[in-house]
PDB file of N, CA and C in Angstrom:
ATOM      1  N   MET A   1       7.732  30.020  11.392  1.00  0.00           N
ATOM      2  CA  MET A   1       9.198  29.287  10.726  1.00  0.00           C
ATOM      3  C   MET A   1       9.546  29.105   9.667  1.00  0.00           C
ATOM      4  N   SER A   2      10.993  29.818   9.157  1.00  0.00           N
ATOM      5  CA  SER A   2      10.868  29.423   8.281  1.00  0.00           C
ATOM      6  C   SER A   2      11.118  28.541   7.055  1.00  0.00           C
ATOM      7  N   LEU A   3      11.543  28.918   5.845  1.00  0.00           N
ATOM      8  CA  LEU A   3      11.007  27.824   4.850  1.00  0.00           C
ATOM      9  C   LEU A   3      12.229  26.486   5.046  1.00  0.00           C
ATOM     10  N   LYS A   4      12.938  26.663   5.543  1.00  0.00           N
ATOM     11  CA  LYS A   4      14.258  25.862   5.669  1.00  0.00           C
ATOM     12  C   LYS A   4      13.967  24.721   6.766  1.00  0.00           C
ATOM     13  N   ASN A   5      12.825  25.628   7.919  1.00  0.00           N
ATOM     14  CA  ASN A   5      12.395  24.547   9.228  1.00  0.00           C
ATOM     15  C   ASN A   5      10.751  23.824   8.097  1.00  0.00           C
ATOM     16  N   HIS A   6      10.266  24.754   7.456  1.00  0.00           N
ATOM     17  CA  HIS A   6       8.922  23.745   6.624  1.00  0.00           C
ATOM     18  C   HIS A   6       9.220  22.669   5.779  1.00  0.00           C
ATOM     19  N   LEU A   7      10.106  22.938   4.954  1.00  0.00           N
ATOM     20  CA  LEU A   7      10.573  21.998   4.480  1.00  0.00           C
ATOM     21  C   LEU A   7      10.852  21.076   4.922  1.00  0.00           C
ATOM     22  N   ASN A   8      11.565  20.945   6.372  1.00  0.00           N
ATOM     23  CA  ASN A   8      12.371  20.289   6.993  1.00  0.00           C
ATOM     24  C   ASN A   8      11.121  19.041   7.473  1.00  0.00           C
ATOM     25  N   GLU A   9      10.335  19.970   8.005  1.00  0.00           N
ATOM     26  CA  GLU A   9       8.937  19.247   8.355  1.00  0.00           C
ATOM     27  C   GLU A   9       8.127  18.348   7.307  1.00  0.00           C
ATOM     28  N   LEU A  10       8.208  18.769   6.000  1.00  0.00           N
ATOM     29  CA  LEU A  10       7.318  18.751   4.487  1.00  0.00           C
ATOM     30  C   LEU A  10       8.148  17.477   4.052  1.00  0.00           C
ATOM     31  N   SER A  11       9.408  16.771   4.234  1.00  0.00           N
ATOM     32  CA  SER A  11       9.857  16.534   4.047  1.00  0.00           C
ATOM     33  C   SER A  11       9.918  15.197   4.714  1.00  0.00           C
ATOM     34  N   ASN A  12       9.727  15.410   6.182  1.00  0.00           N
ATOM     35  CA  ASN A  12       9.464  14.032   7.550  1.00  0.00           C
ATOM     36  C   ASN A  12       7.964  14.170   6.842  1.00  0.00           C
ATOM     37  N   LYS A  13       7.154  14.559   6.632  1.00  0.00           N
ATOM     38  CA  LYS A  13       5.956  14.448   6.371  1.00  0.00           C
ATOM     39  C   LYS A  13       5.435  13.190   5.159  1.00  0.00           C
ATOM     40  N   HIS A  14       6.622  13.863   3.971  1.00  0.00           N
ATOM     41  CA  HIS A  14       6.402  12.695   2.993  1.00  0.00           C
ATOM     42  C   HIS A  14       6.948  11.796   3.114  1.00  0.00           C
ATOM     43  N   ARG A  15       8.378  11.048   4.039  1.00  0.00           N
ATOM     44  CA  ARG A  15       8.928   9.799   4.066  1.00  0.00           C
ATOM     45  C   ARG A  15       7.649   9.080   5.004  1.00  0.00           C
ATOM     46  N   ALA A  16       7.095   9.563   5.836  1.00  0.00           N
ATOM     47  CA  ALA A  16       6.172   8.903   6.634  1.00  0.00           C
ATOM     48  C   ALA A  16       4.821   8.461   6.179  1.00  0.00           C
ATOM     49  N   LEU A  17       4.503   9.576   4.616  1.00  0.00           N
ATOM     50  CA  LEU A  17       3.470   9.177   4.352  1.00  0.00           C
ATOM     51  C   LEU A  17       4.040   7.537   2.359  1.00  0.00           C
ATOM     52  N   GLU A  18       5.158   8.101   2.572  1.00  0.00           N
ATOM     53  CA  GLU A  18       6.324   6.378   1.707  1.00  0.00           C
ATOM     54  C   GLU A  18       5.918   5.831   3.034  1.00  0.00           C
ATOM     55  N   LYS A  19       6.230   5.302   4.206  1.00  0.00           N
ATOM     56  CA  LYS A  19       5.990   4.198   4.621  1.00  0.00           C
ATOM     57  C   LYS A  19       4.765   4.171   5.067  1.00  0.00           C
ATOM     58  N   GLU A  20       3.503   5.013   5.895  1.00  0.00           N
ATOM     59  CA  GLU A  20       2.649   4.762   5.145  1.00  0.00           C
ATOM     60  C   GLU A  20       1.868   3.663   3.956  1.00  0.00           C
ATOM     61  N   LEU A  21       2.594   4.239   3.038  1.00  0.00           N
ATOM     62  CA  LEU A  21       1.821   3.398   1.404  1.00  0.00           C
ATOM     63  C   LEU A  21       2.469   1.945   1.592  1.00  0.00           C
ATOM     64  N   SER A  22       3.920   2.177   2.310  1.00  0.00           N
ATOM     65  CA  SER A  22       4.659   0.771   1.510  1.00  0.00           C
ATOM     66  C   SER A  22       3.894  -0.435   3.403  1.00  0.00           C
ATOM     67  N   ASP A  23       2.986   0.415   3.632  1.00  0.00           N
ATOM     68  CA  ASP A  23       2.631  -0.699   4.956  1.00  0.00           C
ATOM     69  C   ASP A  23       1.193  -1.115   4.321  1.00  0.00           C
ATOM     70  N   ALA A  24       0.763  -0.334   3.962  1.00  0.00           N
ATOM     71  CA  ALA A  24      -0.557  -0.668   3.296  1.00  0.00           C
ATOM     72  C   ALA A  24      -0.938  -1.542   1.471  1.00  0.00           C
ATOM     73  N   ILE A  25       0.602  -1.360   1.836  1.00  0.00           N
ATOM     74  CA  ILE A  25       0.355  -2.507   0.119  1.00  0.00           C
ATOM     75  C   ILE A  25       0.929  -4.029   0.653  1.00  0.00           C
ATOM     76  N   ALA A  26       1.532  -3.619   2.367  1.00  0.00           N
ATOM     77  CA  ALA A  26       1.524  -5.279   2.443  1.00  0.00           C
ATOM     78  C   ALA A  26       0.791  -5.363   2.844  1.00  0.00           C
ATOM     79  N   HIS A  27      -0.419  -4.934   3.562  1.00  0.00           N
ATOM     80  CA  HIS A  27      -1.719  -5.222   5.041  1.00  0.00           C
ATOM     81  C   HIS A  27      -2.803  -5.765   3.430  1.00  0.00           C
ATOM     82  N   PRO A  28      -3.081  -6.866   3.886  1.00  0.00           N
ATOM     83  CA  PRO A  28      -3.839  -7.796   3.273  1.00  0.00           C
ATOM     84  C   PRO A  28      -5.279  -6.971   2.512  1.00  0.00           C
ATOM     85  N   ALA A  29      -5.686  -6.452   4.286  1.00  0.00           N
ATOM     86  CA  ALA A  29      -7.050  -5.642   3.657  1.00  0.00           C
ATOM     87  C   ALA A  29      -7.054  -4.000   3.390  1.00  0.00           C
ATOM     88  N   THR A  30      -5.706  -4.184   2.731  1.00  0.00           N
ATOM     89  CA  THR A  30      -6.132  -2.104   2.782  1.00  0.00           C
ATOM     90  C   THR A  30      -7.273  -2.600   1.189  1.00  0.00           C
ATOM     91  N   THR A  31      -7.517  -1.702   0.992  1.00  0.00           N
ATOM     92  CA  THR A  31      -8.414  -1.192  -0.087  1.00  0.00           C
ATOM     93  C   THR A  31      -7.520   0.006  -1.014  1.00  0.00           C
ATOM     94  N   ASP A  32      -7.690  -0.300  -2.693  1.00  0.00           N
ATOM     95  CA  ASP A  32      -7.470   0.404  -3.317  1.00  0.00           C
ATOM     96  C   ASP A  32      -8.017   2.263  -3.172  1.00  0.00           C
ATOM     97  N   SER A  33      -9.235   2.621  -2.574  1.00  0.00           N
ATOM     98  CA  SER A  33      -9.278   3.800  -2.548  1.00  0.00           C
ATOM     99  C   SER A  33      -8.299   4.161  -0.951  1.00  0.00           C
ATOM    100  N   MET A  34      -7.995   3.245  -0.170  1.00  0.00           N
ATOM    101  CA  MET A  34      -6.717   3.236   1.525  1.00  0.00           C
ATOM    102  C   MET A  34      -6.408   4.344   0.458  1.00  0.00           C
ATOM    103  N   LEU A  35      -5.320   3.313  -0.315  1.00  0.00           N
ATOM    104  CA  LEU A  35      -4.342   3.678  -1.531  1.00  0.00           C
ATOM    105  C   LEU A  35      -4.273   4.851  -1.725  1.00  0.00           C
ATOM    106  N   ALA A  36      -5.390   4.786  -2.887  1.00  0.00           N
ATOM    107  CA  ALA A  36      -5.474   6.023  -2.974  1.00  0.00           C
ATOM    108  C   ALA A  36      -5.429   7.054  -2.598  1.00  0.00           C
ATOM    109  N   ASP A  37      -5.830   7.483  -0.865  1.00  0.00           N
ATOM    110  CA  ASP A  37      -5.830   8.556  -0.301  1.00  0.00           C
ATOM    111  C   ASP A  37      -4.777   8.990  -0.405  1.00  0.00           C
ATOM    112  N   ILE A  38      -3.628   7.507   0.157  1.00  0.00           N
ATOM    113  CA  ILE A  38      -2.391   7.914   0.712  1.00  0.00           C
ATOM    114  C   ILE A  38      -1.252   8.222  -0.114  1.00  0.00           C
ATOM    115  N   LYS A  39      -1.776   8.170  -1.219  1.00  0.00           N
ATOM    116  CA  LYS A  39      -1.536   8.550  -3.025  1.00  0.00           C
ATOM    117  C   LYS A  39      -1.604  10.127  -3.398  1.00  0.00           C
ATOM    118  N   ARG A  40      -2.936  10.163  -2.410  1.00  0.00           N
ATOM    119  CA  ARG A  40      -3.113  11.792  -2.767  1.00  0.00           C
ATOM    120  C   ARG A  40      -1.848  12.701  -1.651  1.00  0.00           C
ATOM    121  N   ARG A  41      -1.993  12.319  -0.741  1.00  0.00           N
ATOM    122  CA  ARG A  41      -2.270  13.139   0.419  1.00  0.00           C
ATOM    123  C   ARG A  41      -0.402  12.779  -0.043  1.00  0.00           C
ATOM    124  N   LYS A  42       0.547  11.622   0.118  1.00  0.00           N
ATOM    125  CA  LYS A  42       1.463  11.737  -0.300  1.00  0.00           C
ATOM    126  C   LYS A  42       1.849  13.241  -1.565  1.00  0.00           C
ATOM    127  N   LEU A  43       0.962  13.117  -2.665  1.00  0.00           N
ATOM    128  CA  LEU A  43       1.543  13.678  -3.845  1.00  0.00           C
ATOM    129  C   LEU A  43       1.317  15.554  -3.388  1.00  0.00           C
ATOM    130  N   ARG A  44       0.069  15.794  -2.602  1.00  0.00           N
ATOM    131  CA  ARG A  44      -0.059  17.210  -2.511  1.00  0.00           C
ATOM    132  C   ARG A  44       1.113  18.101  -1.350  1.00  0.00           C
ATOM    133  N   VAL A  45       1.494  16.559  -0.673  1.00  0.00           N
ATOM    134  CA  VAL A  45       2.998  17.384   0.134  1.00  0.00           C
ATOM    135  C   VAL A  45       3.943  17.311  -0.730  1.00  0.00           C
ATOM    136  N   LYS A  46       4.595  16.677  -1.588  1.00  0.00           N
ATOM    137  CA  LYS A  46       5.117  17.247  -2.884  1.00  0.00           C
ATOM    138  C   LYS A  46       6.016  18.024  -3.689  1.00  0.00           C
ATOM    139  N   ASP A  47       3.673  18.195  -4.192  1.00  0.00           N
ATOM    140  CA  ASP A  47       3.604  19.313  -4.997  1.00  0.00           C
ATOM    141  C   ASP A  47       3.883  21.077  -3.837  1.00  0.00           C
ATOM    142  N   GLU A  48       3.730  20.395  -2.630  1.00  0.00           N
ATOM    143  CA  GLU A  48       4.086  21.890  -1.610  1.00  0.00           C
ATOM    144  C   GLU A  48       5.305  22.070  -1.530  1.00  0.00           C
ATOM    145  N   ILE A  49       6.383  20.993  -1.288  1.00  0.00           N
ATOM    146  CA  ILE A  49       7.822  20.918  -1.221  1.00  0.00           C
ATOM    147  C   ILE A  49       8.155  20.936  -2.788  1.00  0.00           C
ATOM    148  N   THR A  50       7.823  21.516  -3.693  1.00  0.00           N
ATOM    149  CA  THR A  50       8.595  21.998  -5.222  1.00  0.00           C
ATOM    150  C   THR A  50       7.984  23.255  -5.064  1.00  0.00           C
ATOM    151  N   LYS A  51       6.909  23.672  -4.700  1.00  0.00           N
ATOM    152  CA  LYS A  51       6.025  24.875  -4.841  1.00  0.00           C
ATOM    153  C   LYS A  51       6.695  25.841  -3.730  1.00  0.00           C
ATOM    154  N   ILE A  52       7.855  25.747  -2.363  1.00  0.00           N
ATOM    155  CA  ILE A  52       8.278  26.194  -1.644  1.00  0.00           C
ATOM    156  C   ILE A  52       9.546  26.733  -2.578  1.00  0.00           C
ATOM    157  N   GLU A  53      10.112  25.214  -2.873  1.00  0.00           N
ATOM    158  CA  GLU A  53      11.921  25.113  -3.384  1.00  0.00           C
ATOM    159  C   GLU A  53      12.106  26.441  -4.544  1.00  0.00           C
ATOM    160  N   ARG A  54      10.696  26.398  -5.991  1.00  0.00           N
ATOM    161  CA  ARG A  54      11.240  27.486  -6.505  1.00  0.00           C
ATOM    162  C   ARG A  54      10.886  28.660  -5.976  1.00  0.00           C
ATOM    163  N   GLU A  55       9.940  28.584  -4.952  1.00  0.00           N
ATOM    164  CA  GLU A  55       9.403  30.267  -4.251  1.00  0.00           C
ATOM    165  C   GLU A  55      11.117  30.537  -3.782  1.00  0.00           C
ATOM    166  N   VAL A  56      12.323  29.475  -3.451  1.00  0.00           N
ATOM    167  CA  VAL A  56      13.630  29.489  -2.821  1.00  0.00           C
ATOM    168  C   VAL A  56      14.122  30.041  -3.485  1.00  0.00           C
ATOM    169  N   GLN A  57      13.958  29.645  -4.658  1.00  0.00           N
ATOM    170  CA  GLN A  57      15.095  29.122  -6.512  1.00  0.00           C
ATOM    171  C   GLN A  57      14.363  30.737  -6.660  1.00  0.00           C
ATOM    172  N   HIS A  58      13.473  31.183  -6.683  1.00  0.00           N
ATOM    173  CA  HIS A  58      13.495  32.438  -7.884  1.00  0.00           C
ATOM    174  C   HIS A  58      13.604  33.665  -6.149  1.00  0.00           C
ATOM    175  N   ALA A  59      13.559  33.569  -5.178  1.00  0.00           N
ATOM    176  CA  ALA A  59      14.653  34.560  -3.983  1.00  0.00           C
ATOM    177  C   ALA A  59      16.023  35.117  -4.321  1.00  0.00           C
ATOM    178  N   ALA A  60      16.279  33.307  -4.243  1.00  0.00           N
ATOM    179  CA  ALA A  60      17.469  33.675  -4.622  1.00  0.00           C
ATOM    180  C   ALA A  60      19.062  34.684  -5.719  1.00  0.00           C
TER     181      ALA A  60
END
């Protein structure tokens, strides 16, 4: 998989996690630990996106 495709997949995953977080916030039964888990997963994806973008910039 090329880096561009990988970045696109990660961006899609990040958007999906954003929607999941939004839905969880709107649902009254969602616990704080559930929200924290979604936020952690979203942050990990964002960190990976940032890392790859930096690698691409340094390679150019």
